[in-house]
Structure formats: C-alpha cells, structure tokens
Amino acid sequence: MHGVVDGHTCCDRPAGAVDVKPNIGVGIFALEVQQLSTDLVSHVVVNVGTKHDDAVLHESPKDIEARVVGPAFDIHRRNIAVYVARRVQSHEREDTAMWLKRRFAGRMTPVTNGDSPFSPNADELLAHNERFVAEFADHGLSLTPKRHLAVVTCMDSRMDIFQMLGLGHGDAHIIRNAGGVVTDDVIRSLVFSQRRLNTREIILIHHTNCGLENLDESAFYDELSRESGLKPWWSVESFKDPFTDVQQSIWRLLHSPFIAYKDNIRGFVYDVGNGRLNEVLADPRHV
C-alpha cells in the first residue's frame, strides 16, 4: 500500500505510514501489519497525535484488503488498517480521527507485551462508554435476533465474532465460554434462545491454538484442590483436537432432548493465523 501524507511520499516516510488529525484525545498508538511477501509493504502504521491532514491513499479499499492478508499476523490489526483505508477514501470524507474515535474507542490502546504489569480497566472502559452513549445508534433493536441465529464459541480475545462473520448488532445470540464447548449451561442458553427468542440455527466455532487444547485436566484439578481445599464439581472440557471436539459438540446438540430445532446445526474451526473458518462435518456415527 502506497500513501501520500502531508506532501510526503513513501520515499521519504516509513512505507505505508498514515497520519490522522490529533483531536482524538486517546494518545499515540501504533498499528503494524506484518509483511507477508516481498511485493507487500512491510508495515501499516497509524499515528494519532501528529499534526497532519487526512491521508490520501492510491489503492482502493478492496486492493488494500486483498494485499494485506495472510496467516502470520494479528487479524484485528489488519482489520483496523482496512477500516482506516476504507474510511479515508469514502465519499463522505468525514474527519478520519473523529471516525476512529467512534469506531475504535475501546481498542485504541498502546500495543503492549502480554507480560506487562496489570492495572484495572473499569474506569477507562466507563470513559469509553460515555463516548458510546453520546453517539448511541442502536435504539429500537428487537429482543429476538434478526437472523434467528445462535453462535456458540470460545471466549478467546482474538476472536471478534461480529467482525469475522459480518454480523451487525441485533443479528444473533453469541454464547461464549472457555473452548466454546457445549456444556449444560450452553444448552440452557440455547433452549431459551430457541423456545422464547425464536432462533432456528446454531453455529459452533472452535479455534486453533486454544488454551484448552492439550491441557492436563488432572494436574489442573490438583492445583485448584491444593489452593482451595475443594475439588471442582465442573468439568474443564479440555481436548486434543478442535476439529474432533466440534464433532463432539454437534453430537451433544443432536442428542439433547431439549434442543427443539436441529436441522441447521453446523460447526467450524477458526484459524487464528489467517482468519479463515474451516467447516467440520458431523461424525456420521453420531447423526
């Protein structure tokens, strides 16, 4: 992706640099998208806080999205870059920084190491919510999901379910737990979803590189028992292969006497390396 910012070309600025106006009030943050082949730009960097006009990009949003893809980078960072590129090229030409503030207020925090010291988030999130309330646009959404869809998936923070599936607010129920496994509580939620809120389709989504994958349940239980003096009464539901576990989850739904609508149940494994959903067919022994 080649950019021209405030009269500077890629020859005298970092490749792919995109600067936006400073009136966003969230400080400076950087977004890097890894180069995936020699003909791609190595980085896309968004700097908030510098005094430059909106970027002018020479490639179309579709070109940018098509070129900045691959298995080796954070899907969320790619998506933010694509959103920025789309917005600055839109016919509306709304102030890019103000749009970023609205669209990514909850995500525009410095990229930090996972081992950095913990600090509570609630106060910052409340401030984000105030901005959200000021521009709230979801008045009048129906209690029942517009697509009559329920999605059961993992709580993994790398998975933005609405974004990966192209869903909007009010489209579907999203039921999440560790691993995305079908437990009694997931069935409880699905039964209510179907029988009172009119959903008719269930999509199951596990993912690669899951924290539950290959977890030693016995050692985990022992650790909890030693610390608490109590043996957990619930199952961790670890697994060795997400594809096999999706089949197990499909089986549990098909054989539950409480799930009323079973004709549209499909399962997938999300690849955290490239964002692709890979379908898992039900085990024929279970159908």
Protein backbone atom coordinates (compact mmCIF):
# COMPACT_ATOMS: atom_id res chain seq x y z
CA MET A 1 0.00 0.00 0.00
CA HIS A 2 1.46 3.38 -1.01
CA GLY A 3 0.45 6.52 0.81
CA VAL A 4 0.94 10.27 0.44
CA VAL A 5 0.64 12.17 3.71
CA ASP A 6 1.03 15.95 4.04
CA GLY A 7 3.05 16.06 0.86
CA HIS A 8 5.37 13.21 1.80
CA THR A 9 5.64 10.07 -0.30
CA CYS A 10 6.75 6.60 0.65
CA CYS A 11 10.27 7.50 -0.46
CA ASP A 12 10.87 9.87 2.48
CA ARG A 13 8.48 8.37 5.06
CA PRO A 14 8.07 4.88 6.54
CA ALA A 15 6.33 2.65 4.00
CA GLY A 16 2.58 2.73 4.43
CA ALA A 17 2.60 5.49 7.07
CA VAL A 18 -0.84 7.01 7.58
CA ASP A 19 -1.21 10.03 9.87
CA VAL A 20 -4.51 11.38 11.16
CA LYS A 21 -5.55 14.50 13.00
CA PRO A 22 -4.71 14.91 16.68
CA ASN A 23 -8.17 15.83 18.02
CA ILE A 24 -8.94 12.33 19.18
CA GLY A 25 -7.91 12.51 22.82
CA VAL A 26 -6.58 8.99 23.18
CA GLY A 27 -2.84 9.49 22.77
CA ILE A 28 -0.49 7.91 20.28
CA PHE A 29 -0.82 4.31 19.28
CA ALA A 30 0.74 2.22 16.57
CA LEU A 31 -0.73 -0.48 14.37
CA GLU A 32 1.64 -2.74 12.49
CA VAL A 33 0.64 -5.26 9.87
CA GLN A 34 3.37 -7.75 9.08
CA GLN A 35 4.64 -8.11 5.53
CA LEU A 36 3.70 -11.47 4.08
CA SER A 37 5.53 -11.45 0.76
CA THR A 38 8.21 -9.39 -0.92
CA ASP A 39 5.77 -7.35 -3.00
CA LEU A 40 3.83 -6.09 0.03
CA VAL A 41 4.51 -3.10 2.21
CA SER A 42 6.13 -4.23 5.44
CA HIS A 43 4.10 -2.09 7.84
CA VAL A 44 0.97 -0.03 8.10
CA VAL A 45 1.39 2.48 10.91
CA VAL A 46 -1.34 4.74 12.21
CA ASN A 47 -0.05 7.57 14.40
CA VAL A 48 -2.63 9.51 16.36
CA GLY A 49 -1.36 12.77 17.81
CA THR A 50 0.64 14.06 14.88
CA LYS A 51 -0.41 17.25 13.11
CA HIS A 52 -1.07 16.08 9.59
CA ASP A 53 -4.09 16.24 7.33
CA ASP A 54 -6.08 13.14 6.44
CA ALA A 55 -4.22 10.58 4.39
CA VAL A 56 -4.68 10.17 0.63
CA LEU A 57 -4.16 6.59 -0.42
CA HIS A 58 -3.68 5.48 -4.03
CA GLU A 59 -5.12 1.97 -3.76
CA SER A 60 -8.76 1.15 -3.35
CA PRO A 61 -10.06 -0.39 -0.10
CA LYS A 62 -10.53 -3.72 -1.89
CA ASP A 63 -6.94 -3.62 -3.16
CA ILE A 64 -5.65 -2.90 0.32
CA GLU A 65 -7.73 -5.62 1.91
CA ALA A 66 -6.69 -8.14 -0.75
CA ARG A 67 -2.99 -7.35 -0.36
CA VAL A 68 -2.77 -7.18 3.42
CA VAL A 69 -3.75 -10.79 4.12
CA GLY A 70 -2.05 -13.99 5.25
CA PRO A 71 -1.51 -16.42 8.12
CA ALA A 72 1.20 -14.70 10.15
CA PHE A 73 -0.33 -11.58 11.71
CA ASP A 74 -2.99 -10.37 14.12
CA ILE A 75 -6.34 -10.34 12.29
CA HIS A 76 -7.63 -7.46 14.41
CA ARG A 77 -4.72 -5.21 13.43
CA ARG A 78 -5.32 -5.98 9.77
CA ASN A 79 -8.99 -5.14 10.12
CA ILE A 80 -8.32 -1.78 11.75
CA ALA A 81 -5.94 -0.88 8.92
CA VAL A 82 -8.56 -1.84 6.35
CA TYR A 83 -11.24 0.19 8.14
CA VAL A 84 -8.97 3.25 8.18
CA ALA A 85 -8.20 2.87 4.49
CA ARG A 86 -11.85 2.48 3.61
CA ARG A 87 -12.93 5.48 5.64
CA VAL A 88 -10.37 7.96 4.35
CA GLN A 89 -11.34 7.04 0.81
CA SER A 90 -15.09 7.24 1.38
CA HIS A 91 -17.14 9.83 -0.44
CA GLU A 92 -18.34 11.23 2.87
CA ARG A 93 -14.79 12.33 3.73
CA GLU A 94 -15.68 12.59 7.41
CA ASP A 95 -12.84 13.62 9.67
CA THR A 96 -10.84 10.40 9.96
CA ALA A 97 -9.77 10.97 13.54
CA MET A 98 -13.32 11.52 14.73
CA TRP A 99 -14.42 8.37 12.95
CA LEU A 100 -11.56 6.42 14.54
CA LYS A 101 -12.57 7.77 17.93
CA ARG A 102 -16.12 6.49 17.43
CA ARG A 103 -15.33 3.17 15.78
CA PHE A 104 -12.28 2.07 17.80
CA ALA A 105 -12.55 3.95 21.09
CA GLY A 106 -12.37 0.70 23.05
CA ARG A 107 -9.45 -0.70 21.07
CA MET A 108 -7.10 2.24 20.65
CA THR A 109 -4.71 1.46 23.47
CA PRO A 110 -0.95 1.08 23.17
CA VAL A 111 0.31 -2.27 21.89
CA THR A 112 1.99 -3.80 24.93
CA ASN A 113 3.68 -7.02 25.89
CA GLY A 114 1.38 -9.64 27.38
CA ASP A 115 3.64 -9.76 30.45
CA SER A 116 3.22 -6.04 31.23
CA PRO A 117 2.02 -5.13 34.73
CA PHE A 118 -1.72 -5.39 35.30
CA SER A 119 -3.81 -2.31 36.04
CA PRO A 120 -7.61 -2.30 36.39
CA ASN A 121 -9.57 -1.35 33.25
CA ALA A 122 -13.02 -0.43 34.59
CA ASP A 123 -12.51 3.35 34.84
CA GLU A 124 -11.09 3.59 31.32
CA LEU A 125 -13.93 1.44 29.97
CA LEU A 126 -16.51 3.66 31.66
CA ALA A 127 -14.98 6.66 29.92
CA HIS A 128 -15.25 4.80 26.61
CA ASN A 129 -18.88 4.03 27.42
CA GLU A 130 -19.67 7.71 27.90
CA ARG A 131 -18.49 8.37 24.34
CA PHE A 132 -20.51 5.39 23.16
CA VAL A 133 -23.65 6.68 24.88
CA ALA A 134 -23.20 10.12 23.30
CA GLU A 135 -23.39 8.57 19.83
CA PHE A 136 -25.61 5.56 20.60
CA ALA A 137 -27.35 4.41 17.43
CA ASP A 138 -28.92 1.06 18.36
CA HIS A 139 -32.29 2.32 19.56
CA GLY A 140 -35.19 0.04 18.83
CA LEU A 141 -33.37 -3.24 18.23
CA SER A 142 -35.67 -6.23 18.63
CA LEU A 143 -35.27 -8.60 21.56
CA THR A 144 -35.25 -11.50 19.10
CA PRO A 145 -32.17 -11.85 16.84
CA LYS A 146 -32.85 -10.66 13.30
CA ARG A 147 -31.13 -13.67 11.70
CA HIS A 148 -32.74 -16.21 14.08
CA LEU A 149 -29.18 -17.39 14.74
CA ALA A 150 -27.24 -18.51 17.82
CA VAL A 151 -23.44 -18.82 17.76
CA VAL A 152 -21.58 -20.90 20.36
CA THR A 153 -17.90 -20.07 20.50
CA CYS A 154 -14.81 -19.65 22.65
CA MET A 155 -14.11 -16.65 24.88
CA ASP A 156 -10.70 -16.19 23.21
CA SER A 157 -9.89 -12.46 22.95
CA ARG A 158 -8.53 -12.85 19.41
CA MET A 159 -11.97 -13.67 18.03
CA ASP A 160 -14.26 -10.75 17.17
CA ILE A 161 -17.32 -12.79 16.28
CA PHE A 162 -19.37 -9.97 14.79
CA GLN A 163 -16.46 -8.86 12.65
CA MET A 164 -15.38 -12.31 11.44
CA LEU A 165 -18.93 -13.27 10.43
CA GLY A 166 -20.03 -9.89 9.14
CA LEU A 167 -22.81 -9.67 11.72
CA GLY A 168 -24.44 -6.49 12.95
CA HIS A 169 -25.85 -5.62 16.34
CA GLY A 170 -29.10 -7.48 16.89
CA ASP A 171 -28.35 -10.19 14.32
CA ALA A 172 -27.55 -13.15 16.57
CA HIS A 173 -27.09 -14.53 20.06
CA ILE A 174 -23.42 -15.06 20.89
CA ILE A 175 -22.82 -17.67 23.62
CA ARG A 176 -19.18 -17.89 24.77
CA ASN A 177 -17.21 -19.96 27.24
CA ALA A 178 -13.71 -21.43 27.60
CA GLY A 179 -13.23 -23.58 24.49
CA GLY A 180 -16.67 -22.94 23.02
CA VAL A 181 -17.71 -26.39 24.20
CA VAL A 182 -21.34 -27.44 24.57
CA THR A 183 -21.91 -27.70 28.31
CA ASP A 184 -25.15 -27.94 30.29
CA ASP A 185 -25.14 -24.16 30.66
CA VAL A 186 -24.70 -23.66 26.91
CA ILE A 187 -27.67 -25.96 26.32
CA ARG A 188 -29.65 -23.94 28.89
CA SER A 189 -28.95 -20.75 26.91
CA LEU A 190 -29.73 -22.38 23.57
CA VAL A 191 -33.02 -23.80 24.83
CA PHE A 192 -34.13 -20.35 25.97
CA SER A 193 -32.82 -18.83 22.72
CA GLN A 194 -34.89 -21.24 20.63
CA ARG A 195 -38.05 -21.54 22.67
CA ARG A 196 -38.52 -17.93 23.76
CA LEU A 197 -36.43 -15.81 21.36
CA ASN A 198 -37.15 -17.57 18.08
CA THR A 199 -33.70 -18.74 16.94
CA ARG A 200 -33.63 -21.62 14.48
CA GLU A 201 -29.96 -22.07 13.54
CA ILE A 202 -26.87 -22.93 15.61
CA ILE A 203 -23.27 -22.34 14.54
CA LEU A 204 -20.44 -23.79 16.62
CA ILE A 205 -16.96 -22.24 16.40
CA HIS A 206 -13.77 -23.58 18.00
CA HIS A 207 -10.36 -22.25 17.03
CA THR A 208 -6.72 -23.20 16.61
CA ASN A 209 -4.18 -22.55 19.38
CA CYS A 210 -6.84 -22.78 22.08
CA GLY A 211 -5.86 -22.55 25.74
CA LEU A 212 -7.87 -25.70 26.49
CA GLU A 213 -6.08 -27.70 23.82
CA ASN A 214 -3.89 -30.38 25.43
CA LEU A 215 -4.48 -29.01 28.93
CA ASP A 216 -3.67 -31.60 31.63
CA GLU A 217 -7.03 -31.68 33.41
CA SER A 218 -5.79 -33.86 36.26
CA ALA A 219 -2.92 -31.51 37.07
CA PHE A 220 -5.25 -28.52 36.80
CA TYR A 221 -7.75 -30.07 39.22
CA ASP A 222 -4.93 -30.92 41.63
CA GLU A 223 -3.72 -27.32 41.54
CA LEU A 224 -7.20 -25.99 42.32
CA SER A 225 -7.75 -28.56 45.08
CA ARG A 226 -4.46 -27.70 46.77
CA GLU A 227 -5.21 -23.97 46.74
CA SER A 228 -8.88 -24.08 47.71
CA GLY A 229 -9.26 -27.30 49.68
CA LEU A 230 -12.16 -28.21 47.37
CA LYS A 231 -12.40 -30.42 44.32
CA PRO A 232 -14.08 -28.65 41.37
CA TRP A 233 -17.54 -30.01 40.62
CA TRP A 234 -17.37 -28.92 36.98
CA SER A 235 -15.50 -30.33 34.01
CA VAL A 236 -12.73 -28.30 32.35
CA GLU A 237 -13.61 -29.87 28.97
CA SER A 238 -10.07 -29.84 27.56
CA PHE A 239 -9.42 -31.51 24.22
CA LYS A 240 -6.60 -32.59 21.92
CA ASP A 241 -8.05 -31.65 18.55
CA PRO A 242 -10.52 -28.75 17.97
CA PHE A 243 -11.98 -30.46 14.90
CA THR A 244 -12.83 -33.60 16.86
CA ASP A 245 -14.23 -31.51 19.70
CA VAL A 246 -16.54 -29.63 17.33
CA GLN A 247 -17.90 -33.01 16.24
CA GLN A 248 -18.44 -33.87 19.91
CA SER A 249 -20.32 -30.60 20.41
CA ILE A 250 -22.53 -31.28 17.39
CA TRP A 251 -23.27 -34.73 18.81
CA ARG A 252 -24.32 -33.25 22.15
CA LEU A 253 -26.76 -30.89 20.47
CA LEU A 254 -28.22 -33.55 18.19
CA HIS A 255 -28.84 -35.83 21.15
CA SER A 256 -30.19 -33.26 23.59
CA PRO A 257 -33.92 -33.76 24.20
CA PHE A 258 -34.27 -30.03 24.93
CA ILE A 259 -32.90 -28.63 21.66
CA ALA A 260 -36.04 -28.24 19.54
CA TYR A 261 -34.53 -27.19 16.18
CA LYS A 262 -31.69 -29.39 14.92
CA ASP A 263 -31.93 -29.13 11.12
CA ASN A 264 -29.47 -26.23 10.87
CA ILE A 265 -26.50 -27.03 13.09
CA ARG A 266 -23.03 -26.53 11.60
CA GLY A 267 -19.57 -26.45 13.11
CA PHE A 268 -16.31 -24.69 12.24
CA VAL A 269 -12.74 -24.21 13.43
CA TYR A 270 -11.42 -20.65 13.18
CA ASP A 271 -7.76 -20.36 12.20
CA VAL A 272 -6.26 -17.62 14.37
CA GLY A 273 -3.36 -17.35 11.92
CA ASN A 274 -5.34 -16.27 8.87
CA GLY A 275 -8.93 -15.67 10.00
CA ARG A 276 -10.47 -18.47 7.95
CA LEU A 277 -13.35 -20.65 9.12
CA ASN A 278 -12.86 -24.33 8.26
CA GLU A 279 -16.04 -26.37 8.32
CA VAL A 280 -16.26 -29.55 10.39
CA LEU A 281 -18.72 -32.19 9.22
CA ALA A 282 -20.67 -34.13 11.80
CA ASP A 283 -19.31 -37.57 12.58
CA PRO A 284 -21.58 -39.93 10.57
CA ARG A 285 -21.66 -42.28 13.56
CA HIS A 286 -23.40 -39.53 15.56
CA VAL A 287 -26.06 -38.45 13.06
